């Protein structure tokens, strides 16, 4: 059986062996939901660190993510978390908003990286650091996995706060994703201030409301 822990830390070690002293992993959470912000995190881990159970946030339970969230913050040489709200997402589109959140996270780091490992296949425009894109990076790279956990937990906590403000949508259950119950609530109650107006089916409901006026 493949040892995920050793694999993801060995992956990052390859870049240190190439001469990079400070490598940051960058990942996001919340590109797909119908509501709420997109969040991103940047994490620089110590070169020889290992963290048991570290993995892609999507492969972990909520409880495990919460535990690792605190460990990563404690052990990291530097970390930063940034978000972009739904209003900006609607204005500049989700891809550009994701880039903006990633860029903000990197620029907030107290230590500047020599290399940024970006989850996905697109470099962050106008981010003036060396960048390497890693498709499926949150399951390959320790630092990207750490960033995925920080971004996911941070965004989930924001959505729990919104759940208290807008209880009819039950954001605490689906975190803004387009589940059946979320869409049913949208149809029944309409949109709230954190919904992404340009996302289907949110835009469909807005259009339908206008037709019925």
C-alpha atoms as a PDB file:
ATOM      1  CA  UNK A   1       0.000   0.000   0.000  1.00  0.00           C
ATOM      2  CA  UNK A   2       1.320   3.415  -0.931  1.00  0.00           C
ATOM      3  CA  UNK A   3       2.540   5.524   1.992  1.00  0.00           C
ATOM      4  CA  UNK A   4       0.788   8.827   1.335  1.00  0.00           C
ATOM      5  CA  UNK A   5       2.637  10.608   4.136  1.00  0.00           C
ATOM      6  CA  UNK A   6       6.090   9.757   2.821  1.00  0.00           C
ATOM      7  CA  UNK A   7       5.065  10.461  -0.765  1.00  0.00           C
ATOM      8  CA  UNK A   8       3.784  13.985  -0.165  1.00  0.00           C
ATOM      9  CA  UNK A   9       6.782  15.041   1.911  1.00  0.00           C
ATOM     10  CA  UNK A  10       9.191  13.473  -0.581  1.00  0.00           C
ATOM     11  CA  UNK A  11       7.477  15.448  -3.334  1.00  0.00           C
ATOM     12  CA  UNK A  12       8.299  18.750  -1.635  1.00  0.00           C
ATOM     13  CA  UNK A  13      11.808  17.574  -0.792  1.00  0.00           C
ATOM     14  CA  UNK A  14      12.543  17.336  -4.518  1.00  0.00           C
ATOM     15  CA  UNK A  15      12.253  21.108  -4.770  1.00  0.00           C
ATOM     16  CA  UNK A  16      14.495  21.670  -1.772  1.00  0.00           C
ATOM     17  CA  UNK A  17      17.036  19.344  -3.390  1.00  0.00           C
ATOM     18  CA  UNK A  18      16.945  21.603  -6.444  1.00  0.00           C
ATOM     19  CA  UNK A  19      18.166  24.483  -4.293  1.00  0.00           C
ATOM     20  CA  UNK A  20      14.990  26.233  -3.168  1.00  0.00           C
ATOM     21  CA  UNK A  21      15.215  27.061   0.537  1.00  0.00           C
ATOM     22  CA  UNK A  22      11.624  28.249   1.107  1.00  0.00           C
ATOM     23  CA  UNK A  23       8.792  26.505  -0.717  1.00  0.00           C
ATOM     24  CA  UNK A  24       5.177  27.600  -0.264  1.00  0.00           C
ATOM     25  CA  UNK A  25       2.138  25.504  -1.079  1.00  0.00           C
ATOM     26  CA  UNK A  26      -0.911  27.402  -2.347  1.00  0.00           C
ATOM     27  CA  UNK A  27      -4.475  26.101  -2.550  1.00  0.00           C
ATOM     28  CA  UNK A  28      -8.053  27.338  -2.461  1.00  0.00           C
ATOM     29  CA  UNK A  29     -11.441  26.292  -1.143  1.00  0.00           C
ATOM     30  CA  UNK A  30     -14.863  27.310  -2.342  1.00  0.00           C
ATOM     31  CA  UNK A  31     -14.692  27.726  -6.104  1.00  0.00           C
ATOM     32  CA  UNK A  32     -17.888  25.786  -6.727  1.00  0.00           C
ATOM     33  CA  UNK A  33     -20.471  26.936  -4.137  1.00  0.00           C
ATOM     34  CA  UNK A  34     -23.459  29.117  -4.904  1.00  0.00           C
ATOM     35  CA  UNK A  35     -22.809  31.312  -1.875  1.00  0.00           C
ATOM     36  CA  UNK A  36     -20.036  32.729   0.240  1.00  0.00           C
ATOM     37  CA  UNK A  37     -16.404  33.617  -0.408  1.00  0.00           C
ATOM     38  CA  UNK A  38     -13.580  31.761  -2.060  1.00  0.00           C
ATOM     39  CA  UNK A  39     -10.669  31.266   0.342  1.00  0.00           C
ATOM     40  CA  UNK A  40      -6.998  30.549  -0.277  1.00  0.00           C
ATOM     41  CA  UNK A  41      -4.031  29.709   1.902  1.00  0.00           C
ATOM     42  CA  UNK A  42      -0.267  29.766   1.514  1.00  0.00           C
ATOM     43  CA  UNK A  43       1.937  27.607   3.735  1.00  0.00           C
ATOM     44  CA  UNK A  44       5.705  27.284   4.106  1.00  0.00           C
ATOM     45  CA  UNK A  45       6.597  24.159   6.062  1.00  0.00           C
ATOM     46  CA  UNK A  46      10.019  23.412   7.574  1.00  0.00           C
ATOM     47  CA  UNK A  47      12.166  21.400   5.199  1.00  0.00           C
ATOM     48  CA  UNK A  48      12.415  18.265   7.352  1.00  0.00           C
ATOM     49  CA  UNK A  49       8.984  18.375   8.963  1.00  0.00           C
ATOM     50  CA  UNK A  50       6.511  15.513   8.787  1.00  0.00           C
ATOM     51  CA  UNK A  51       2.952  15.744  10.073  1.00  0.00           C
ATOM     52  CA  UNK A  52       1.115  12.446  10.596  1.00  0.00           C
ATOM     53  CA  UNK A  53      -2.152  12.121   8.613  1.00  0.00           C
ATOM     54  CA  UNK A  54      -1.463  15.197   6.479  1.00  0.00           C
ATOM     55  CA  UNK A  55      -3.367  14.788   3.218  1.00  0.00           C
ATOM     56  CA  UNK A  56      -5.651  16.531   0.749  1.00  0.00           C
ATOM     57  CA  UNK A  57      -8.397  18.188   2.810  1.00  0.00           C
ATOM     58  CA  UNK A  58     -11.074  16.419   0.746  1.00  0.00           C
ATOM     59  CA  UNK A  59      -9.753  13.059   1.972  1.00  0.00           C
ATOM     60  CA  UNK A  60     -10.055  13.988   5.647  1.00  0.00           C
ATOM     61  CA  UNK A  61     -12.935  14.124   8.089  1.00  0.00           C
ATOM     62  CA  UNK A  62     -14.013  17.480   9.465  1.00  0.00           C
ATOM     63  CA  UNK A  63     -12.630  16.523  12.880  1.00  0.00           C
ATOM     64  CA  UNK A  64      -9.257  15.546  11.398  1.00  0.00           C
ATOM     65  CA  UNK A  65      -9.078  18.790   9.389  1.00  0.00           C
ATOM     66  CA  UNK A  66      -9.740  20.804  12.527  1.00  0.00           C
ATOM     67  CA  UNK A  67      -6.953  18.991  14.369  1.00  0.00           C
ATOM     68  CA  UNK A  68      -4.472  19.403  11.514  1.00  0.00           C
ATOM     69  CA  UNK A  69      -5.468  23.057  11.110  1.00  0.00           C
ATOM     70  CA  UNK A  70      -4.012  23.828  14.536  1.00  0.00           C
ATOM     71  CA  UNK A  71      -0.926  21.653  14.029  1.00  0.00           C
ATOM     72  CA  UNK A  72      -0.117  23.280  10.684  1.00  0.00           C
ATOM     73  CA  UNK A  73      -0.416  26.769  12.138  1.00  0.00           C
ATOM     74  CA  UNK A  74       1.871  25.781  15.008  1.00  0.00           C
ATOM     75  CA  UNK A  75       4.525  24.006  12.914  1.00  0.00           C
ATOM     76  CA  UNK A  76       4.646  26.129   9.755  1.00  0.00           C
ATOM     77  CA  UNK A  77       7.471  28.588   9.206  1.00  0.00           C
ATOM     78  CA  UNK A  78       4.829  30.893   7.812  1.00  0.00           C
ATOM     79  CA  UNK A  79       1.200  30.701   6.752  1.00  0.00           C
ATOM     80  CA  UNK A  80      -1.453  33.113   5.552  1.00  0.00           C
ATOM     81  CA  UNK A  81      -5.131  32.872   4.668  1.00  0.00           C
ATOM     82  CA  UNK A  82      -7.101  35.254   2.444  1.00  0.00           C
ATOM     83  CA  UNK A  83     -10.596  35.352   0.994  1.00  0.00           C
ATOM     84  CA  UNK A  84     -12.556  37.140  -1.706  1.00  0.00           C
ATOM     85  CA  UNK A  85     -16.262  37.714  -1.151  1.00  0.00           C
ATOM     86  CA  UNK A  86     -19.198  36.935  -3.427  1.00  0.00           C
ATOM     87  CA  UNK A  87     -19.566  40.533  -4.608  1.00  0.00           C
ATOM     88  CA  UNK A  88     -16.076  40.531  -6.072  1.00  0.00           C
ATOM     89  CA  UNK A  89     -16.605  37.011  -7.451  1.00  0.00           C
ATOM     90  CA  UNK A  90     -19.641  38.296  -9.339  1.00  0.00           C
ATOM     91  CA  UNK A  91     -17.690  41.287 -10.588  1.00  0.00           C
ATOM     92  CA  UNK A  92     -14.504  39.629 -11.853  1.00  0.00           C
ATOM     93  CA  UNK A  93     -15.566  35.908 -12.153  1.00  0.00           C
ATOM     94  CA  UNK A  94     -14.591  32.971  -9.976  1.00  0.00           C
ATOM     95  CA  UNK A  95     -11.303  32.171 -11.714  1.00  0.00           C
ATOM     96  CA  UNK A  96      -9.972  35.706 -11.288  1.00  0.00           C
ATOM     97  CA  UNK A  97     -11.321  35.832  -7.733  1.00  0.00           C
ATOM     98  CA  UNK A  98      -9.467  32.599  -6.955  1.00  0.00           C
ATOM     99  CA  UNK A  99      -6.241  34.075  -8.344  1.00  0.00           C
ATOM    100  CA  UNK A 100      -6.821  37.187  -6.241  1.00  0.00           C
ATOM    101  CA  UNK A 101      -7.322  35.163  -3.053  1.00  0.00           C
ATOM    102  CA  UNK A 102      -4.171  33.134  -3.769  1.00  0.00           C
ATOM    103  CA  UNK A 103      -2.135  36.250  -4.493  1.00  0.00           C
ATOM    104  CA  UNK A 104      -3.353  37.917  -1.304  1.00  0.00           C
ATOM    105  CA  UNK A 105      -2.417  34.852   0.737  1.00  0.00           C
ATOM    106  CA  UNK A 106       1.120  34.728  -0.666  1.00  0.00           C
ATOM    107  CA  UNK A 107       1.650  38.447  -0.157  1.00  0.00           C
ATOM    108  CA  UNK A 108       0.517  38.156   3.475  1.00  0.00           C
ATOM    109  CA  UNK A 109       3.229  35.597   4.314  1.00  0.00           C
ATOM    110  CA  UNK A 110       5.681  36.941   6.886  1.00  0.00           C
ATOM    111  CA  UNK A 111       8.466  35.046   5.083  1.00  0.00           C
ATOM    112  CA  UNK A 112       8.643  35.362   1.321  1.00  0.00           C
ATOM    113  CA  UNK A 113       8.932  32.075  -0.575  1.00  0.00           C
ATOM    114  CA  UNK A 114      11.501  31.301  -3.232  1.00  0.00           C
ATOM    115  CA  UNK A 115       9.020  29.018  -4.984  1.00  0.00           C
ATOM    116  CA  UNK A 116       5.231  28.755  -4.939  1.00  0.00           C
ATOM    117  CA  UNK A 117       3.636  25.387  -5.649  1.00  0.00           C
ATOM    118  CA  UNK A 118       0.181  26.145  -7.045  1.00  0.00           C
ATOM    119  CA  UNK A 119      -2.536  23.522  -6.972  1.00  0.00           C
ATOM    120  CA  UNK A 120      -3.952  23.183 -10.476  1.00  0.00           C
ATOM    121  CA  UNK A 121      -2.758  23.925 -13.985  1.00  0.00           C
ATOM    122  CA  UNK A 122      -2.674  27.742 -13.993  1.00  0.00           C
ATOM    123  CA  UNK A 123      -0.089  30.087 -12.591  1.00  0.00           C
ATOM    124  CA  UNK A 124      -1.342  33.096 -10.639  1.00  0.00           C
ATOM    125  CA  UNK A 125      -1.117  36.158 -12.907  1.00  0.00           C
ATOM    126  CA  UNK A 126       0.931  39.120 -11.680  1.00  0.00           C
ATOM    127  CA  UNK A 127       2.290  37.159  -8.722  1.00  0.00           C
ATOM    128  CA  UNK A 128       5.990  37.967  -8.920  1.00  0.00           C
ATOM    129  CA  UNK A 129       7.353  34.767  -7.434  1.00  0.00           C
ATOM    130  CA  UNK A 130       8.663  31.598  -9.033  1.00  0.00           C
ATOM    131  CA  UNK A 131       5.663  29.347  -9.583  1.00  0.00           C
ATOM    132  CA  UNK A 132       5.199  25.672 -10.348  1.00  0.00           C
ATOM    133  CA  UNK A 133       1.715  24.370 -11.126  1.00  0.00           C
ATOM    134  CA  UNK A 134       0.835  20.918  -9.793  1.00  0.00           C
ATOM    135  CA  UNK A 135      -2.296  19.210 -11.092  1.00  0.00           C
ATOM    136  CA  UNK A 136      -3.833  17.356  -8.140  1.00  0.00           C
ATOM    137  CA  UNK A 137      -1.231  19.025  -5.959  1.00  0.00           C
ATOM    138  CA  UNK A 138      -3.279  18.765  -2.769  1.00  0.00           C
ATOM    139  CA  UNK A 139      -2.795  14.993  -2.912  1.00  0.00           C
ATOM    140  CA  UNK A 140       0.876  15.124  -4.006  1.00  0.00           C
ATOM    141  CA  UNK A 141       2.558  17.932  -2.072  1.00  0.00           C
ATOM    142  CA  UNK A 142       2.735  18.322   1.704  1.00  0.00           C
ATOM    143  CA  UNK A 143       2.734  22.105   1.578  1.00  0.00           C
ATOM    144  CA  UNK A 144      -0.213  22.231  -0.840  1.00  0.00           C
ATOM    145  CA  UNK A 145      -2.097  19.711   1.304  1.00  0.00           C
ATOM    146  CA  UNK A 146      -1.465  21.933   4.325  1.00  0.00           C
ATOM    147  CA  UNK A 147      -2.733  24.949   2.402  1.00  0.00           C
ATOM    148  CA  UNK A 148      -5.835  23.028   1.340  1.00  0.00           C
ATOM    149  CA  UNK A 149      -6.631  22.305   4.987  1.00  0.00           C
ATOM    150  CA  UNK A 150      -6.141  25.907   6.120  1.00  0.00           C
ATOM    151  CA  UNK A 151      -8.286  27.217   3.266  1.00  0.00           C
ATOM    152  CA  UNK A 152     -11.046  24.647   3.754  1.00  0.00           C
ATOM    153  CA  UNK A 153     -11.319  24.996   7.535  1.00  0.00           C
ATOM    154  CA  UNK A 154     -11.198  28.793   7.355  1.00  0.00           C
ATOM    155  CA  UNK A 155     -13.937  28.951   4.743  1.00  0.00           C
ATOM    156  CA  UNK A 156     -16.100  26.414   6.573  1.00  0.00           C
ATOM    157  CA  UNK A 157     -15.879  28.533   9.710  1.00  0.00           C
ATOM    158  CA  UNK A 158     -16.947  31.604   7.752  1.00  0.00           C
ATOM    159  CA  UNK A 159     -19.952  29.700   6.421  1.00  0.00           C
ATOM    160  CA  UNK A 160     -20.908  28.650   9.950  1.00  0.00           C
ATOM    161  CA  UNK A 161     -20.995  32.324  10.831  1.00  0.00           C
ATOM    162  CA  UNK A 162     -23.227  33.043   7.839  1.00  0.00           C
ATOM    163  CA  UNK A 163     -25.484  30.156   8.877  1.00  0.00           C
ATOM    164  CA  UNK A 164     -26.340  32.102  12.018  1.00  0.00           C
ATOM    165  CA  UNK A 165     -27.126  35.226   9.982  1.00  0.00           C
ATOM    166  CA  UNK A 166     -29.197  33.423   7.350  1.00  0.00           C
ATOM    167  CA  UNK A 167     -30.521  30.258   9.068  1.00  0.00           C
ATOM    168  CA  UNK A 168     -33.158  29.322   6.466  1.00  0.00           C
ATOM    169  CA  UNK A 169     -30.448  28.252   3.999  1.00  0.00           C
ATOM    170  CA  UNK A 170     -28.709  25.848   6.429  1.00  0.00           C
ATOM    171  CA  UNK A 171     -25.227  26.873   5.334  1.00  0.00           C
ATOM    172  CA  UNK A 172     -23.834  24.882   8.259  1.00  0.00           C
ATOM    173  CA  UNK A 173     -24.802  21.687   6.402  1.00  0.00           C
ATOM    174  CA  UNK A 174     -23.658  22.357   2.838  1.00  0.00           C
ATOM    175  CA  UNK A 175     -21.296  25.365   3.172  1.00  0.00           C
ATOM    176  CA  UNK A 176     -22.993  27.057   0.219  1.00  0.00           C
ATOM    177  CA  UNK A 177     -22.695  24.216  -2.296  1.00  0.00           C
ATOM    178  CA  UNK A 178     -25.626  23.532  -4.596  1.00  0.00           C
ATOM    179  CA  UNK A 179     -27.254  20.660  -2.745  1.00  0.00           C
ATOM    180  CA  UNK A 180     -30.891  19.764  -3.286  1.00  0.00           C
ATOM    181  CA  UNK A 181     -31.923  21.362   0.013  1.00  0.00           C
ATOM    182  CA  UNK A 182     -29.959  24.524  -0.720  1.00  0.00           C
ATOM    183  CA  UNK A 183     -31.626  24.920  -4.100  1.00  0.00           C
ATOM    184  CA  UNK A 184     -35.029  24.259  -2.545  1.00  0.00           C
ATOM    185  CA  UNK A 185     -34.337  27.016   0.002  1.00  0.00           C
ATOM    186  CA  UNK A 186     -33.279  29.358  -2.799  1.00  0.00           C
ATOM    187  CA  UNK A 187     -36.546  28.744  -4.625  1.00  0.00           C
ATOM    188  CA  UNK A 188     -38.575  29.245  -1.461  1.00  0.00           C
ATOM    189  CA  UNK A 189     -36.800  32.249   0.070  1.00  0.00           C
ATOM    190  CA  UNK A 190     -34.933  33.811  -2.831  1.00  0.00           C
ATOM    191  CA  UNK A 191     -31.313  34.894  -2.535  1.00  0.00           C
ATOM    192  CA  UNK A 192     -29.504  36.421   0.431  1.00  0.00           C
ATOM    193  CA  UNK A 193     -26.602  38.915   0.430  1.00  0.00           C
ATOM    194  CA  UNK A 194     -23.898  36.242   0.250  1.00  0.00           C
ATOM    195  CA  UNK A 195     -25.251  34.377  -2.782  1.00  0.00           C
ATOM    196  CA  UNK A 196     -23.216  34.544  -5.996  1.00  0.00           C
ATOM    197  CA  UNK A 197     -25.615  36.239  -8.380  1.00  0.00           C
ATOM    198  CA  UNK A 198     -23.777  35.106 -11.514  1.00  0.00           C
ATOM    199  CA  UNK A 199     -23.849  31.401 -10.618  1.00  0.00           C
ATOM    200  CA  UNK A 200     -26.508  29.063 -11.967  1.00  0.00           C
ATOM    201  CA  UNK A 201     -29.075  28.326 -10.459  1.00  0.00           C
ATOM    202  CA  UNK A 202     -28.834  31.583  -8.468  1.00  0.00           C
ATOM    203  CA  UNK A 203     -28.978  33.641 -11.660  1.00  0.00           C
ATOM    204  CA  UNK A 204     -31.942  31.567 -12.871  1.00  0.00           C
ATOM    205  CA  UNK A 205     -33.862  32.352  -9.690  1.00  0.00           C
ATOM    206  CA  UNK A 206     -33.051  36.057 -10.020  1.00  0.00           C
ATOM    207  CA  UNK A 207     -34.265  36.001 -13.633  1.00  0.00           C
ATOM    208  CA  UNK A 208     -37.440  34.173 -12.678  1.00  0.00           C
ATOM    209  CA  UNK A 209     -38.128  36.658  -9.900  1.00  0.00           C
ATOM    210  CA  UNK A 210     -37.793  39.539 -12.344  1.00  0.00           C
ATOM    211  CA  UNK A 211     -40.198  37.859 -14.774  1.00  0.00           C
ATOM    212  CA  UNK A 212     -42.770  37.496 -12.012  1.00  0.00           C
ATOM    213  CA  UNK A 213     -42.651  41.172 -11.008  1.00  0.00           C
END
